[in-house]
Protein backbone atom coordinates (compact mmCIF):
# COMPACT_ATOMS: atom_id res chain seq x y z
CA UNK A 1 16.52 6.51 11.46
CA UNK A 2 14.89 3.63 9.55
CA UNK A 3 17.48 0.90 8.77
CA UNK A 4 18.02 0.00 5.13
CA UNK A 5 17.06 -3.38 3.75
CA UNK A 6 18.90 -2.70 0.47
CA UNK A 7 21.59 -0.21 -0.43
CA UNK A 8 22.83 0.01 -4.02
CA UNK A 9 25.37 2.63 -5.02
CA UNK A 10 26.26 3.24 -8.68
CA UNK A 11 25.87 -0.48 -9.40
CA UNK A 12 26.52 -1.92 -12.83
CA UNK A 13 26.60 -5.37 -14.40
CA UNK A 14 27.50 -6.53 -17.90
CA UNK A 15 27.10 -9.67 -20.00
CA UNK A 16 29.90 -10.09 -22.55
CA UNK A 17 30.79 -6.43 -22.22
CA UNK A 18 27.23 -5.12 -22.71
CA UNK A 19 25.85 -3.41 -19.62
CA UNK A 20 22.48 -4.79 -18.55
CA UNK A 21 22.39 -2.60 -15.44
CA UNK A 22 24.12 0.75 -15.34
CA UNK A 23 24.51 3.34 -12.56
CA UNK A 24 21.81 1.77 -10.38
CA UNK A 25 21.35 3.33 -6.96
CA UNK A 26 18.68 2.62 -4.36
CA UNK A 27 18.28 3.04 -0.61
CA UNK A 28 15.29 0.89 0.38
CA UNK A 29 14.11 1.22 4.00
CA UNK A 30 13.24 -1.92 5.92
CA UNK A 31 9.52 -2.69 5.93
CA UNK A 32 8.84 -1.67 2.32
CA UNK A 33 6.91 -3.74 -0.22
CA UNK A 34 8.75 -2.89 -3.44
CA UNK A 35 7.49 -3.91 -6.88
CA UNK A 36 10.23 -4.12 -9.52
CA UNK A 37 8.75 -3.51 -12.97
CA UNK A 38 10.30 -3.21 -16.42
CA UNK A 39 10.43 -4.59 -19.95
CA UNK A 40 11.83 -8.00 -20.83
CA UNK A 41 15.62 -7.83 -20.86
CA UNK A 42 15.64 -4.67 -18.76
CA UNK A 43 17.68 -6.24 -15.96
CA UNK A 44 15.05 -7.21 -13.35
CA UNK A 45 16.11 -10.85 -12.95
CA UNK A 46 19.77 -9.84 -13.04
CA UNK A 47 19.10 -7.47 -10.15
CA UNK A 48 17.59 -10.34 -8.13
CA UNK A 49 20.63 -12.51 -8.86
CA UNK A 50 22.91 -9.75 -7.60
CA UNK A 51 20.86 -9.37 -4.40
CA UNK A 52 21.06 -13.12 -3.79
CA UNK A 53 24.81 -13.21 -4.37
CA UNK A 54 24.42 -15.50 -7.40
CA UNK A 55 26.24 -12.96 -9.58
CA UNK A 56 28.86 -10.34 -8.79
CA UNK A 57 28.53 -6.74 -10.00
CA UNK A 58 31.04 -5.29 -12.39
CA UNK A 59 31.30 -2.26 -10.14
CA UNK A 60 29.56 -0.18 -7.53
CA UNK A 61 28.37 -1.10 -4.05
CA UNK A 62 25.62 -3.43 -2.88
CA UNK A 63 24.51 -4.24 0.67
CA UNK A 64 21.66 -6.55 1.63
CA UNK A 65 20.47 -6.25 5.24
CA UNK A 66 23.72 -4.45 5.93
CA UNK A 67 25.93 -7.26 4.61
CA UNK A 68 27.51 -8.43 1.39
CA UNK A 69 25.14 -10.36 -0.91
CA UNK A 70 24.98 -14.05 -0.04
CA UNK A 71 26.09 -13.43 3.57
CA UNK A 72 22.70 -12.92 5.25
CA UNK A 73 21.86 -16.64 5.52
CA UNK A 74 18.38 -17.45 6.78
CA UNK A 75 17.48 -13.77 7.03
CA UNK A 76 16.44 -13.87 3.35
CA UNK A 77 13.61 -15.90 1.79
CA UNK A 78 13.41 -16.47 -1.96
CA UNK A 79 10.69 -17.65 -4.34
CA UNK A 80 12.02 -18.36 -7.86
CA UNK A 81 9.88 -17.89 -10.94
CA UNK A 82 9.88 -21.53 -12.05
CA UNK A 83 8.55 -23.94 -9.41
CA UNK A 84 7.27 -26.91 -11.44
CA UNK A 85 6.59 -30.10 -9.49
CA UNK A 86 6.62 -33.56 -11.06
CA UNK A 87 3.48 -35.60 -10.39
CA UNK A 88 5.84 -38.52 -9.65
CA UNK A 89 7.69 -36.69 -6.87
CA UNK A 90 6.16 -38.12 -3.65
CA UNK A 91 6.69 -35.22 -1.25
CA UNK A 92 4.03 -33.85 1.05
CA UNK A 93 3.21 -30.18 1.38
CA UNK A 94 4.66 -30.19 4.90
CA UNK A 95 7.84 -31.89 3.69
CA UNK A 96 8.30 -29.39 0.86
CA UNK A 97 7.97 -26.44 3.23
CA UNK A 98 10.46 -28.01 5.67
CA UNK A 99 13.04 -28.01 2.86
CA UNK A 100 13.26 -24.25 3.37
CA UNK A 101 15.00 -24.94 6.67
CA UNK A 102 17.82 -26.92 5.08
CA UNK A 103 21.21 -25.20 5.21
CA UNK A 104 24.70 -26.41 4.16
CA UNK A 105 25.68 -29.11 6.66
CA UNK A 106 22.10 -29.39 7.96
CA UNK A 107 21.14 -33.09 8.13
CA UNK A 108 17.39 -32.93 8.66
CA UNK A 109 16.62 -33.87 5.07
CA UNK A 110 18.63 -37.08 5.48
CA UNK A 111 16.77 -38.01 8.66
CA UNK A 112 19.95 -37.89 10.77
CA UNK A 113 18.66 -35.38 13.30
CA UNK A 114 17.21 -36.50 16.58
CA UNK A 115 13.45 -36.77 17.16
CA UNK A 116 13.30 -33.42 19.00
CA UNK A 117 14.97 -31.58 16.11
CA UNK A 118 12.67 -33.24 13.56
CA UNK A 119 9.64 -32.24 15.62
CA UNK A 120 10.94 -28.66 15.71
CA UNK A 121 11.24 -28.75 11.92
CA UNK A 122 7.67 -29.96 11.61
CA UNK A 123 6.33 -27.26 13.94
CA UNK A 124 8.13 -24.52 12.00
CA UNK A 125 6.82 -25.85 8.67
CA UNK A 126 3.27 -26.15 10.01
CA UNK A 127 3.42 -22.59 11.37
CA UNK A 128 4.51 -21.33 7.94
CA UNK A 129 1.60 -23.23 6.34
CA UNK A 130 -0.79 -21.65 8.82
CA UNK A 131 0.44 -18.21 7.79
CA UNK A 132 -0.39 -18.90 4.15
CA UNK A 133 -3.71 -20.62 4.88
CA UNK A 134 -2.66 -24.18 4.00
CA UNK A 135 -2.36 -25.93 7.36
CA UNK A 136 -5.22 -28.27 6.41
CA UNK A 137 -3.26 -29.38 3.31
CA UNK A 138 -0.07 -30.36 5.16
CA UNK A 139 -0.40 -34.10 4.53
CA UNK A 140 -1.33 -33.91 0.83
CA UNK A 141 1.12 -34.49 -1.99
CA UNK A 142 2.48 -31.21 -3.23
CA UNK A 143 1.75 -32.15 -6.85
CA UNK A 144 -1.96 -32.58 -6.03
CA UNK A 145 -2.46 -28.93 -5.08
CA UNK A 146 -3.93 -26.33 -7.44
CA UNK A 147 -1.65 -23.72 -8.99
CA UNK A 148 -2.60 -21.07 -6.45
CA UNK A 149 -2.19 -23.49 -3.55
CA UNK A 150 1.25 -24.54 -4.78
CA UNK A 151 2.37 -20.92 -4.91
CA UNK A 152 1.20 -20.49 -1.32
CA UNK A 153 3.14 -23.61 -0.35
CA UNK A 154 6.29 -22.26 -2.02
CA UNK A 155 5.82 -18.94 -0.23
CA UNK A 156 5.54 -20.90 3.02
CA UNK A 157 8.84 -22.60 2.15
CA UNK A 158 10.41 -19.18 1.55
CA UNK A 159 9.28 -17.80 4.92
CA UNK A 160 9.68 -20.92 7.09
CA UNK A 161 12.96 -19.65 8.56
CA UNK A 162 11.39 -16.30 9.54
CA UNK A 163 13.27 -14.05 7.08
CA UNK A 164 13.59 -10.29 7.34
CA UNK A 165 13.64 -9.92 3.54
CA UNK A 166 11.51 -11.84 1.03
CA UNK A 167 12.56 -11.83 -2.65
CA UNK A 168 9.93 -12.94 -5.19
CA UNK A 169 10.37 -13.52 -8.91
CA UNK A 170 7.04 -13.33 -10.79
CA UNK A 171 4.94 -14.91 -7.99
CA UNK A 172 1.61 -14.37 -9.80
CA UNK A 173 2.66 -15.34 -13.33
CA UNK A 174 1.26 -18.89 -13.34
CA UNK A 175 -2.03 -18.51 -11.44
CA UNK A 176 -5.54 -17.36 -12.31
CA UNK A 177 -7.05 -13.96 -11.54
CA UNK A 178 -8.69 -14.96 -8.25
CA UNK A 179 -5.51 -16.62 -7.01
CA UNK A 180 -3.50 -13.50 -8.00
CA UNK A 181 -5.72 -11.33 -5.82
CA UNK A 182 -5.45 -13.78 -2.92
CA UNK A 183 -1.66 -13.96 -3.25
CA UNK A 184 -1.32 -10.19 -3.24
CA UNK A 185 -3.51 -9.99 -0.12
CA UNK A 186 -1.31 -12.63 1.53
CA UNK A 187 1.87 -10.73 0.63
CA UNK A 188 0.39 -7.54 2.07
CA UNK A 189 -0.11 -9.40 5.36
CA UNK A 190 3.43 -10.82 5.31
CA UNK A 191 4.77 -7.32 4.67
CA UNK A 192 3.81 -6.43 8.23
CA UNK A 193 6.69 -8.61 9.41
CA UNK A 194 9.24 -8.46 6.59
CA UNK A 195 10.52 -6.36 3.70
CA UNK A 196 9.34 -7.66 0.32
CA UNK A 197 10.92 -7.13 -3.10
CA UNK A 198 8.77 -8.54 -5.92
CA UNK A 199 9.72 -8.69 -9.59
CA UNK A 200 6.54 -8.67 -11.68
CA UNK A 201 5.14 -8.11 -15.17
CA UNK A 202 1.61 -8.04 -13.80
CA UNK A 203 1.10 -4.32 -13.29
CA UNK A 204 -2.60 -4.85 -12.60
CA UNK A 205 -1.85 -6.55 -9.27
CA UNK A 206 0.66 -3.91 -8.21
CA UNK A 207 -1.54 -0.80 -8.18
CA UNK A 208 -2.37 0.06 -4.56
CA UNK A 209 -0.97 -3.23 -3.19
CA UNK A 210 2.67 -2.29 -2.73
CA UNK A 211 4.32 0.60 -0.92
CA UNK A 212 6.81 1.59 -3.62
CA UNK A 213 7.77 0.88 -7.22
CA UNK A 214 11.13 0.58 -8.98
CA UNK A 215 11.15 0.68 -12.78
CA UNK A 216 14.22 -1.15 -14.08
CA UNK A 217 15.37 -0.77 -17.66
CA UNK A 218 19.16 -0.78 -17.48
CA UNK A 219 18.84 2.09 -15.02
CA UNK A 220 16.52 2.22 -12.02
CA UNK A 221 13.84 4.82 -11.26
CA UNK A 222 12.42 4.63 -7.74
CA UNK A 223 8.90 5.84 -6.91
CA UNK A 224 7.88 6.08 -3.25
CA UNK A 225 4.23 5.40 -4.11
CA UNK A 226 1.97 2.55 -5.13
CA UNK A 227 -0.16 4.17 -7.83
CA UNK A 228 0.60 3.42 -11.47
CA UNK A 229 0.88 6.85 -13.06
CA UNK A 230 1.33 7.23 -16.84
CA UNK A 231 5.01 7.96 -16.20
CA UNK A 232 5.46 4.70 -14.30
CA UNK A 233 3.59 2.77 -17.00
CA UNK A 234 5.93 4.20 -19.62
CA UNK A 235 9.05 3.40 -17.60
CA UNK A 236 7.82 -0.13 -16.87
CA UNK A 237 7.02 -0.74 -20.55
CA UNK A 238 10.31 0.75 -21.71
CA UNK A 239 8.76 3.41 -23.94
CA UNK A 240 8.96 7.19 -24.23
CA UNK A 241 5.89 8.75 -22.64
CA UNK A 242 6.30 11.92 -24.71
CA UNK A 243 5.89 9.85 -27.86
CA UNK A 244 2.96 7.83 -26.50
CA UNK A 245 -0.60 8.65 -25.55
CA UNK A 246 -1.14 7.37 -21.97
CA UNK A 247 -4.50 5.85 -22.92
CA UNK A 248 -2.95 4.14 -25.95
CA UNK A 249 -0.09 2.94 -23.77
CA UNK A 250 -2.35 1.36 -21.15
CA UNK A 251 -5.03 0.01 -23.49
CA UNK A 252 -3.18 -1.46 -26.46
CA UNK A 253 0.18 0.17 -26.90
CA UNK A 254 3.67 -1.05 -26.09
CA UNK A 255 2.83 -2.63 -22.73
CA UNK A 256 3.95 -6.30 -22.89
CA UNK A 257 1.08 -8.62 -23.76
CA UNK A 258 1.66 -10.61 -20.61
CA UNK A 259 0.12 -7.59 -18.91
CA UNK A 260 -2.54 -6.45 -21.36
CA UNK A 261 -3.79 -8.13 -24.51
CA UNK A 262 -3.92 -6.42 -27.88
CA UNK A 263 -7.46 -5.55 -28.96
CA UNK A 264 -7.20 -7.94 -31.91
CA UNK A 265 -6.30 -10.87 -29.65
CA UNK A 266 -9.13 -13.48 -29.63
CA UNK A 267 -9.16 -13.46 -25.82
CA UNK A 268 -9.70 -9.71 -25.82
CA UNK A 269 -12.40 -8.38 -28.13
CA UNK A 270 -11.17 -9.98 -31.35
CA UNK A 271 -11.17 -6.70 -33.23
CA UNK A 272 -14.79 -5.86 -32.35
CA UNK A 273 -13.69 -2.37 -31.33
CA UNK A 274 -12.64 -1.67 -34.93
CA UNK A 275 -16.06 -2.73 -36.22
CA UNK A 276 -17.72 -0.51 -33.63
CA UNK A 277 -15.57 2.40 -34.66
CA UNK A 278 -16.50 1.81 -38.33
CA UNK A 279 -20.18 1.74 -37.44
CA UNK A 280 -19.86 5.13 -35.78
CA UNK A 281 -18.14 6.53 -38.82
CA UNK A 282 -14.77 6.68 -37.07
CA UNK A 283 -15.49 10.14 -35.69
CA UNK A 284 -13.24 11.72 -33.10
């Protein structure tokens, strides 16, 4: 029987008495690439915090790699949403990735380890950079990399300890379209060796790239598939499919504008579709 990477049973969590997550259950087999979708405020980031042990549930059960949250140590890699780097911070790409090896009581960052241990750190960091295609950038300053390269470097930092589970919070939010495609291809490769759970608003990168989808909007609906059906779109956008036309939903309905722009947005068609409709007489 396939072991479980995550096991949630009737989980709930509340802020100031208001439940953000309620009656959440999930049994996620090891080896999955799960996309967690949902509207803003639906509980996606809270779910990640619970998995990491940064928050405690109000009730219900939660197991991560068979243990209590926060107890799996280096078996979990994590990429936060906000990874800004100051141009004045003089750290190399290799040095930034090696930080992923630091644990409480670990003295490598302070330079107090012996030469052999420091060399082992460097080899592990370089191997992680090779996996993300950045070995040739190891000696550059991290702040000098492009946005897509920095995300790859941060992914390398998250996997440098060889985790079994990789948790990602909006990994494609701050990169261009080409870099998004490259990142998703990289994650698909990494998924051969580890379970991945990715919170995302970018539904366009999810379709066909992941193995399963969880729509989180206070509750959780699990879909053991990677195709974005109209039902999944509606759940992810937090709307009622029965009250929405699927075409309207996908094209310019209630889907958050971080995913799809409104037709009247200047970066879309600037309202040209309305002029075209008028020219055709607005017929059905």
